[in-house]
Amino acid sequence: MEESPDRVMLRVRELFTQSGLTLEALGQRMGYRGATARKAAWQFVSRTNDPRVSMLRKFARAVGVPIADLFAEEQKRGTK
């Protein structure tokens, strides 16, 4: 089953919340510096509807999960 961008971004938001990171810390881990870090992370987490694979890779690395976890079906992740 192919995941829609909306479902992937819901998973991104869920993982961000679970990570306990601030937007600034997330942005820095994604490779942004200074004042740009917080804004870039906020835009990705809050405003992106159809993310690029490169951004998903950066995000997955930043929160310490395999990129496949962003596409995992709910049953495979152990949630109902």
Protein backbone atom coordinates (compact mmCIF):
# COMPACT_ATOMS: atom_id res chain seq x y z
CA MET A 1 0.00 0.00 0.00
CA GLU A 2 1.45 3.34 -1.01
CA GLU A 3 1.24 6.09 1.58
CA SER A 4 -0.21 9.46 0.67
CA PRO A 5 1.77 12.63 1.44
CA ASP A 6 -0.87 13.52 4.04
CA ARG A 7 -0.34 10.25 5.93
CA VAL A 8 3.42 10.62 5.72
CA MET A 9 3.25 14.14 7.15
CA LEU A 10 0.94 12.97 9.93
CA ARG A 11 3.63 10.43 10.81
CA VAL A 12 6.30 13.16 10.61
CA ARG A 13 4.34 15.31 13.05
CA GLU A 14 3.81 12.35 15.37
CA LEU A 15 7.53 11.50 15.36
CA PHE A 16 8.47 15.13 15.93
CA THR A 17 6.22 15.29 18.99
CA GLN A 18 7.61 12.01 20.31
CA SER A 19 11.19 13.16 19.76
CA GLY A 20 10.92 15.88 22.40
CA LEU A 21 13.05 18.14 20.20
CA THR A 22 12.44 21.85 19.89
CA LEU A 23 11.93 23.26 16.42
CA GLU A 24 15.36 24.88 16.66
CA ALA A 25 17.04 21.59 17.61
CA LEU A 26 15.21 19.75 14.82
CA GLY A 27 16.24 22.37 12.29
CA GLN A 28 19.85 22.16 13.41
CA ARG A 29 19.83 18.37 13.16
CA MET A 30 18.37 18.71 9.67
CA GLY A 31 21.36 20.83 8.69
CA TYR A 32 20.12 24.39 9.09
CA ARG A 33 22.04 27.01 11.04
CA GLY A 34 21.26 30.09 13.07
CA ALA A 35 17.86 31.73 12.84
CA THR A 36 17.05 29.64 9.77
CA ALA A 37 16.97 26.38 11.75
CA ARG A 38 13.75 27.04 13.66
CA LYS A 39 11.91 28.54 10.70
CA ALA A 40 12.91 25.75 8.31
CA ALA A 41 11.85 23.06 10.77
CA TRP A 42 8.54 24.82 11.47
CA GLN A 43 7.79 25.13 7.77
CA PHE A 44 8.60 21.49 7.17
CA VAL A 45 6.58 20.13 10.10
CA SER A 46 3.66 22.56 9.94
CA ARG A 47 3.29 23.72 6.36
CA THR A 48 4.57 20.95 4.10
CA ASN A 49 1.89 18.90 2.39
CA ASP A 50 3.91 17.06 -0.26
CA PRO A 51 7.46 16.61 1.07
CA ARG A 52 10.51 15.88 -1.04
CA VAL A 53 12.32 12.64 -0.33
CA SER A 54 15.48 14.60 0.51
CA MET A 55 13.61 16.44 3.29
CA LEU A 56 12.16 13.19 4.62
CA ARG A 57 15.68 11.73 4.76
CA LYS A 58 16.94 14.74 6.71
CA PHE A 59 14.01 14.54 9.09
CA ALA A 60 14.35 10.79 9.68
CA ARG A 61 18.06 11.20 10.40
CA ALA A 62 17.34 14.12 12.74
CA VAL A 63 14.88 12.17 14.89
CA GLY A 64 16.85 8.92 14.68
CA VAL A 65 14.49 6.65 12.78
CA PRO A 66 14.84 4.77 9.50
CA ILE A 67 13.14 6.60 6.64
CA ALA A 68 10.96 3.52 6.16
CA ASP A 69 9.28 4.34 9.48
CA LEU A 70 7.74 7.40 7.84
CA PHE A 71 5.96 5.12 5.38
CA ALA A 72 5.16 2.21 7.68
CA GLU A 73 1.61 1.06 7.84
CA GLU A 74 0.02 1.52 11.25
CA GLN A 75 -0.20 -2.25 11.91
CA LYS A 76 3.50 -2.72 11.18
CA ARG A 77 4.39 0.04 13.66
CA GLY A 78 2.44 -1.75 16.39
CA THR A 79 -0.33 0.86 16.72
CA LYS A 80 -3.99 0.36 16.07
